Protein backbone atom coordinates (compact mmCIF):
# COMPACT_ATOMS: atom_id res chain seq x y z
CA GLY A 1 11.97 -4.32 -41.79
CA LEU A 2 11.81 -1.36 -44.07
CA CYS A 3 9.43 1.52 -43.65
CA ALA A 4 6.75 1.52 -46.35
CA LYS A 5 6.40 5.33 -46.18
CA GLY A 6 9.94 5.99 -47.37
CA GLY A 7 10.75 9.70 -47.55
CA LEU A 8 7.22 10.63 -46.40
CA CYS A 9 7.79 9.01 -43.00
CA GLU A 10 7.70 11.50 -40.13
CA PHE A 11 10.18 9.45 -38.07
CA SER A 12 13.95 9.47 -38.43
CA HIS A 13 15.60 6.55 -40.20
CA ASP A 14 19.12 7.72 -39.38
CA PRO A 15 20.81 4.86 -37.42
CA MET A 16 22.70 7.32 -35.19
CA VAL A 17 19.53 9.18 -34.22
CA ILE A 18 17.77 5.88 -33.49
CA ALA A 19 20.71 4.65 -31.36
CA GLU A 20 20.74 7.91 -29.37
CA ALA A 21 16.98 7.69 -28.80
CA MET A 22 17.32 4.11 -27.55
CA LEU A 23 20.06 5.15 -25.10
CA GLU A 24 17.97 8.06 -23.81
CA GLU A 25 14.95 5.78 -23.40
CA GLU A 26 17.04 3.27 -21.46
CA ASP A 27 18.16 5.98 -19.03
CA THR A 28 14.57 6.81 -18.07
CA THR A 29 13.54 3.20 -17.46
CA PRO A 30 13.16 2.58 -13.73
CA SER A 31 15.21 -0.15 -12.08
CA CYS A 32 13.55 -3.47 -11.34
CA TRP A 33 12.89 -3.75 -7.60
CA TYR A 34 12.70 -7.54 -7.86
CA TYR A 35 15.92 -7.87 -9.90
CA GLU A 36 17.85 -5.83 -7.34
CA ARG A 37 16.78 -8.35 -4.69
CA GLY A 38 17.41 -11.46 -6.82
CA LEU A 39 13.68 -12.13 -7.25
CA CYS A 40 12.80 -11.15 -10.86
CA LYS A 41 11.16 -14.00 -12.75
CA ASN A 42 10.63 -12.06 -16.00
CA GLY A 43 14.21 -12.26 -17.28
CA ALA A 44 14.80 -10.45 -20.57
CA GLY A 45 11.03 -9.87 -20.87
CA CYS A 46 11.02 -7.55 -17.85
CA VAL A 47 10.02 -3.98 -18.72
CA PHE A 48 12.25 -2.59 -15.95
CA LYS A 49 16.02 -2.04 -16.03
CA HIS A 50 18.28 -4.88 -14.89
CA GLU A 51 21.68 -3.49 -13.88
CA GLY A 52 24.61 -5.62 -12.82
CA ASP A 53 24.91 -9.39 -12.66
CA ILE A 54 22.65 -10.36 -9.79
CA PRO A 55 21.67 -14.05 -9.58
CA GLN A 56 17.90 -14.43 -9.72
CA ASN A 57 17.41 -17.52 -7.61
CA LYS A 58 16.02 -16.17 -4.34
CA LYS A 59 12.48 -16.83 -3.22
CA MET A 60 10.34 -14.31 -1.40
CA LYS A 61 10.04 -15.25 2.26
CA LEU A 62 6.82 -14.53 4.06
CA GLU A 63 6.12 -15.55 7.59
CA ILE A 64 2.37 -15.89 7.78
CA PRO A 65 1.12 -15.60 11.34
CA GLY A 66 -1.42 -18.03 12.76
CA LYS A 67 -3.57 -15.10 13.84
CA GLU A 68 -4.15 -11.61 12.58
CA PRO A 69 -1.57 -9.01 13.59
CA GLU A 70 -2.49 -5.93 15.57
CA ASP A 71 -4.32 -3.47 13.38
CA ASP A 72 -2.32 -0.57 12.07
CA ASP A 73 -3.18 1.89 9.30
CA VAL A 74 -1.79 -0.28 6.48
CA TYR A 75 -3.36 -3.54 7.71
CA THR A 76 -6.70 -1.81 8.34
CA ALA A 77 -6.70 -0.34 4.81
CA VAL A 78 -5.98 -3.78 3.35
CA LYS A 79 -8.71 -5.36 5.48
CA VAL A 80 -11.25 -2.79 4.29
CA GLY A 81 -10.11 -3.15 0.68
CA LEU A 82 -10.62 -6.91 0.77
CA THR A 83 -14.11 -6.77 2.27
CA ALA A 84 -15.62 -7.47 -1.16
CA VAL A 85 -13.87 -10.85 -1.44
CA SER A 86 -14.67 -12.01 2.09
CA SER A 87 -17.50 -14.18 0.82
CA LEU A 88 -15.20 -15.89 -1.70
CA GLU A 89 -12.36 -17.00 0.61
CA THR A 90 -12.09 -18.76 3.94
CA GLU A 91 -11.10 -16.64 6.94
CA ASP A 92 -7.70 -18.39 7.11
CA GLU A 93 -7.00 -17.52 3.46
CA LEU A 94 -8.15 -13.93 4.00
CA VAL A 95 -5.71 -13.54 6.91
CA LYS A 96 -2.86 -14.80 4.69
CA ILE A 97 -3.86 -12.52 1.81
CA ARG A 98 -4.23 -9.48 4.09
CA PHE A 99 -0.86 -10.16 5.67
CA ARG A 100 0.92 -10.51 2.32
CA ILE A 101 -0.59 -7.35 0.84
CA ALA A 102 0.17 -5.36 3.99
CA LYS A 103 3.76 -6.63 3.98
CA TYR A 104 4.24 -5.70 0.31
CA ALA A 105 2.75 -2.25 0.98
CA ARG A 106 5.18 -1.64 3.83
CA ASP A 107 8.20 -2.87 1.87
């Protein structure tokens, strides 16, 4: 579209300046962690940079233990953080949720 402000517009309408700004902006965009691992489901709608031609067909693998792992600092922090939802989920579901969040935090 055309700018309705015309010559009074404070932004540049020079195509070269716009192209340079877009290239600079692209350089500061962080890489997509999920894309690099073949896990991004956002495709072209992803706000992070997709570099290379990496197939996006992997699925995240999580081995959920039957019992809670030994407490460490990360798992304990997750356990404390999820105290508020303990009345909303079963204990089995809470163990799964705690495990997943702790795994993501460590990765």
